[in-house]
Amino acid sequence: MALQVSLVSATAEVWTGEATLVVAKTVEGEIGIMAGHEPMLAILAEGQVRITQADGTKVLANAQDGFLSSEGNVVTIVAGNAALIA
């Protein structure tokens, strides 16, 4: 079972797709989300978002000033500023 993940900034969609794991830095510490995670809402801290796709490849992005929500198998990360790391 995969997560449906969307990472957006204030101005654009940064990345969207299926993943098995999302790890992000919040104001309360780092959190990892997998399929079946309890619903949650967290405030992002400045830091890296790591997304592991279904095929095992990783997507890395810097994000700050926003929030992360998880409900069902849908994860939405909304950041004031976000950019993929090449």
Protein backbone atom coordinates (compact mmCIF):
# COMPACT_ATOMS: atom_id res chain seq x y z
CA MET A 1 0.00 0.00 0.00
CA ALA A 2 1.48 3.36 -1.03
CA LEU A 3 1.15 6.90 0.20
CA GLN A 4 -0.11 9.63 -2.12
CA VAL A 5 2.25 12.54 -1.45
CA SER A 6 2.07 16.19 -2.51
CA LEU A 7 4.80 18.70 -1.69
CA VAL A 8 3.85 22.26 -2.61
CA SER A 9 5.30 25.69 -1.99
CA ALA A 10 3.50 29.01 -1.92
CA THR A 11 4.09 29.41 -5.65
CA ALA A 12 4.25 25.95 -7.23
CA GLU A 13 3.81 22.21 -6.93
CA VAL A 14 7.29 20.89 -6.10
CA TRP A 15 6.67 17.12 -6.24
CA THR A 16 3.74 14.73 -6.29
CA GLY A 17 3.57 10.95 -6.52
CA GLU A 18 3.46 7.64 -4.69
CA ALA A 19 5.81 6.84 -1.84
CA THR A 20 6.40 4.27 0.88
CA LEU A 21 7.94 6.67 3.43
CA VAL A 22 7.98 10.42 4.11
CA VAL A 23 10.37 11.90 6.69
CA ALA A 24 10.18 15.58 7.62
CA LYS A 25 11.51 17.91 10.30
CA THR A 26 8.81 19.47 12.47
CA VAL A 27 9.02 21.93 15.35
CA GLU A 28 8.67 18.93 17.71
CA GLY A 29 11.33 16.81 15.99
CA GLU A 30 11.68 14.55 12.97
CA ILE A 31 8.70 12.42 11.96
CA GLY A 32 8.36 9.46 9.63
CA ILE A 33 5.08 8.56 7.96
CA MET A 34 4.22 5.24 6.33
CA ALA A 35 0.94 3.84 5.01
CA GLY A 36 -1.62 3.43 7.75
CA HIS A 37 -0.23 6.24 9.93
CA GLU A 38 -2.66 7.88 12.32
CA PRO A 39 -4.10 11.20 11.08
CA MET A 40 -1.91 14.12 12.13
CA LEU A 41 -1.07 17.75 11.54
CA ALA A 42 2.40 19.14 12.25
CA ILE A 43 4.18 22.47 11.81
CA LEU A 44 7.29 22.22 9.63
CA ALA A 45 10.65 23.37 10.90
CA GLU A 46 13.29 24.50 8.42
CA GLY A 47 14.93 21.35 7.12
CA GLN A 48 14.94 18.49 4.70
CA VAL A 49 11.97 16.44 3.53
CA ARG A 50 12.92 12.92 2.42
CA ILE A 51 10.47 10.95 0.29
CA THR A 52 11.14 7.30 -0.55
CA GLN A 53 9.31 6.33 -3.73
CA ALA A 54 7.78 2.90 -4.30
CA ASP A 55 10.81 1.85 -6.40
CA GLY A 56 13.22 2.81 -3.58
CA THR A 57 14.56 6.01 -5.11
CA LYS A 58 14.67 9.03 -2.85
CA VAL A 59 13.42 12.56 -3.44
CA LEU A 60 15.07 15.23 -1.28
CA ALA A 61 13.75 18.75 -0.78
CA ASN A 62 14.42 21.68 1.52
CA ALA A 63 11.28 23.10 3.11
CA GLN A 64 10.39 25.74 5.66
CA ASP A 65 7.48 27.72 7.05
CA GLY A 66 4.51 25.46 6.56
CA PHE A 67 2.75 22.32 7.71
CA LEU A 68 2.43 18.62 7.04
CA SER A 69 -0.84 16.73 7.21
CA SER A 70 -1.53 13.02 7.00
CA GLU A 71 -4.94 11.38 6.74
CA GLY A 72 -5.56 7.91 5.42
CA ASN A 73 -2.74 7.32 2.96
CA VAL A 74 -2.59 10.93 1.78
CA VAL A 75 0.30 13.15 2.90
CA THR A 76 0.27 16.84 2.05
CA ILE A 77 3.23 19.10 2.75
CA VAL A 78 2.59 22.81 2.28
CA ALA A 79 5.65 25.02 2.70
CA GLY A 80 6.12 28.75 2.31
CA ASN A 81 9.38 27.89 0.60
CA ALA A 82 10.33 24.48 -0.83
CA ALA A 83 12.78 23.30 -3.48
CA LEU A 84 14.08 19.95 -4.67
CA ILE A 85 17.70 19.14 -3.97
CA ALA A 86 19.48 18.05 -7.13
